[in-house]
Amino acid sequence: MRVIGSREFNQDIGQAKRAALAEPVFVTDRGRPTHVLMSIETFRQLSGESGSILEALARPGLPVPVAETRPALAAVWGEF
């Protein structure tokens, strides 16, 4: 298990991402753990999840806020 401070994390996110491929990386703020960075494979093993993001988005019951976002987009880009 790797532990890094939030300042180190912010200065070299790439290093933290590389380390997270091997093991979870705990990010601390003032010495207290605040976040955990892990590979998607580790996350899927822990959560029992499998498949792609497209499969996850295609699951029934996922809210589709088209009616809510369309007026906001029209206000920015004009009617489409």
C-alpha atoms as a PDB file:
ATOM      1  CA  MET A   1       0.000   0.000   0.000  1.00  0.00           C
ATOM      2  CA  ARG A   2       1.390   3.374  -1.015  1.00  0.00           C
ATOM      3  CA  VAL A   3       0.595   6.599   0.851  1.00  0.00           C
ATOM      4  CA  ILE A   4       1.235  10.054  -0.599  1.00  0.00           C
ATOM      5  CA  GLY A   5       0.352  13.544   0.532  1.00  0.00           C
ATOM      6  CA  SER A   6      -2.065  15.689  -1.436  1.00  0.00           C
ATOM      7  CA  ARG A   7       0.729  18.095  -2.421  1.00  0.00           C
ATOM      8  CA  GLU A   8       2.829  15.263  -3.879  1.00  0.00           C
ATOM      9  CA  PHE A   9      -0.260  13.899  -5.627  1.00  0.00           C
ATOM     10  CA  ASN A  10      -1.036  17.277  -7.204  1.00  0.00           C
ATOM     11  CA  GLN A  11       2.567  17.773  -8.321  1.00  0.00           C
ATOM     12  CA  ASP A  12       2.857  14.386 -10.057  1.00  0.00           C
ATOM     13  CA  ILE A  13      -0.476  12.740 -10.778  1.00  0.00           C
ATOM     14  CA  GLY A  14       1.183  10.524 -13.374  1.00  0.00           C
ATOM     15  CA  GLN A  15       3.424   8.956 -10.740  1.00  0.00           C
ATOM     16  CA  ALA A  16       0.394   8.215  -8.555  1.00  0.00           C
ATOM     17  CA  LYS A  17      -1.452   6.669 -11.504  1.00  0.00           C
ATOM     18  CA  ARG A  18       1.511   4.435 -12.323  1.00  0.00           C
ATOM     19  CA  ALA A  19       1.799   3.349  -8.688  1.00  0.00           C
ATOM     20  CA  ALA A  20      -1.948   2.602  -8.608  1.00  0.00           C
ATOM     21  CA  LEU A  21      -1.489   0.031 -11.364  1.00  0.00           C
ATOM     22  CA  ALA A  22       0.419  -2.116  -8.868  1.00  0.00           C
ATOM     23  CA  GLU A  23      -1.453  -1.330  -5.654  1.00  0.00           C
ATOM     24  CA  PRO A  24      -3.999   1.130  -4.230  1.00  0.00           C
ATOM     25  CA  VAL A  25      -2.564   4.562  -3.472  1.00  0.00           C
ATOM     26  CA  PHE A  26      -3.895   6.403  -0.432  1.00  0.00           C
ATOM     27  CA  VAL A  27      -3.852  10.197  -0.702  1.00  0.00           C
ATOM     28  CA  THR A  28      -3.663  12.087   2.573  1.00  0.00           C
ATOM     29  CA  ASP A  29      -4.495  15.631   3.552  1.00  0.00           C
ATOM     30  CA  ARG A  30      -2.675  16.792   6.672  1.00  0.00           C
ATOM     31  CA  GLY A  31      -1.818  13.202   7.506  1.00  0.00           C
ATOM     32  CA  ARG A  32      -5.365  11.855   7.247  1.00  0.00           C
ATOM     33  CA  PRO A  33      -6.435   9.581   4.362  1.00  0.00           C
ATOM     34  CA  THR A  34      -8.935  11.339   2.098  1.00  0.00           C
ATOM     35  CA  HIS A  35      -8.893   9.422  -1.204  1.00  0.00           C
ATOM     36  CA  VAL A  36      -7.854   6.098  -2.686  1.00  0.00           C
ATOM     37  CA  LEU A  37      -6.590   5.769  -6.239  1.00  0.00           C
ATOM     38  CA  MET A  38      -6.689   2.304  -7.803  1.00  0.00           C
ATOM     39  CA  SER A  39      -6.707   0.712 -11.223  1.00  0.00           C
ATOM     40  CA  ILE A  40     -10.029   0.020 -12.885  1.00  0.00           C
ATOM     41  CA  GLU A  41      -9.241  -3.693 -12.711  1.00  0.00           C
ATOM     42  CA  THR A  42      -8.842  -3.511  -8.923  1.00  0.00           C
ATOM     43  CA  PHE A  43     -12.056  -1.511  -8.638  1.00  0.00           C
ATOM     44  CA  ARG A  44     -13.966  -4.067 -10.711  1.00  0.00           C
ATOM     45  CA  GLN A  45     -12.632  -6.932  -8.586  1.00  0.00           C
ATOM     46  CA  LEU A  46     -13.655  -5.198  -5.364  1.00  0.00           C
ATOM     47  CA  SER A  47     -17.076  -4.125  -6.607  1.00  0.00           C
ATOM     48  CA  GLY A  48     -17.891  -7.294  -8.540  1.00  0.00           C
ATOM     49  CA  GLU A  49     -18.438  -5.139 -11.619  1.00  0.00           C
ATOM     50  CA  SER A  50     -17.500  -6.269 -15.089  1.00  0.00           C
ATOM     51  CA  GLY A  51     -17.922  -5.022 -18.616  1.00  0.00           C
ATOM     52  CA  SER A  52     -17.320  -1.763 -20.380  1.00  0.00           C
ATOM     53  CA  ILE A  53     -18.534   1.741 -19.703  1.00  0.00           C
ATOM     54  CA  LEU A  54     -20.883   1.384 -22.675  1.00  0.00           C
ATOM     55  CA  GLU A  55     -22.525  -1.622 -21.036  1.00  0.00           C
ATOM     56  CA  ALA A  56     -22.883   0.314 -17.803  1.00  0.00           C
ATOM     57  CA  LEU A  57     -24.496   3.242 -19.614  1.00  0.00           C
ATOM     58  CA  ALA A  58     -26.896   0.912 -21.434  1.00  0.00           C
ATOM     59  CA  ARG A  59     -28.293  -0.551 -18.209  1.00  0.00           C
ATOM     60  CA  PRO A  60     -32.041  -0.098 -17.783  1.00  0.00           C
ATOM     61  CA  GLY A  61     -33.088   2.464 -15.228  1.00  0.00           C
ATOM     62  CA  LEU A  62     -30.276   4.883 -15.944  1.00  0.00           C
ATOM     63  CA  PRO A  63     -31.817   8.364 -15.916  1.00  0.00           C
ATOM     64  CA  VAL A  64     -31.608  10.228 -19.217  1.00  0.00           C
ATOM     65  CA  PRO A  65     -32.060  13.936 -18.497  1.00  0.00           C
ATOM     66  CA  VAL A  66     -32.671  14.975 -22.121  1.00  0.00           C
ATOM     67  CA  ALA A  67     -35.709  17.101 -21.261  1.00  0.00           C
ATOM     68  CA  GLU A  68     -33.739  18.904 -18.563  1.00  0.00           C
ATOM     69  CA  THR A  69     -30.545  19.558 -20.531  1.00  0.00           C
ATOM     70  CA  ARG A  70     -32.057  20.484 -23.881  1.00  0.00           C
ATOM     71  CA  PRO A  71     -33.406  23.916 -22.752  1.00  0.00           C
ATOM     72  CA  ALA A  72     -30.074  24.731 -21.104  1.00  0.00           C
ATOM     73  CA  LEU A  73     -28.165  23.810 -24.256  1.00  0.00           C
ATOM     74  CA  ALA A  74     -30.585  25.842 -26.385  1.00  0.00           C
ATOM     75  CA  ALA A  75     -29.944  28.870 -24.179  1.00  0.00           C
ATOM     76  CA  VAL A  76     -26.203  28.541 -24.818  1.00  0.00           C
ATOM     77  CA  TRP A  77     -26.082  27.403 -28.457  1.00  0.00           C
ATOM     78  CA  GLY A  78     -29.447  28.470 -29.790  1.00  0.00           C
ATOM     79  CA  GLU A  79     -32.226  26.127 -30.880  1.00  0.00           C
ATOM     80  CA  PHE A  80     -30.972  22.851 -32.398  1.00  0.00           C
END
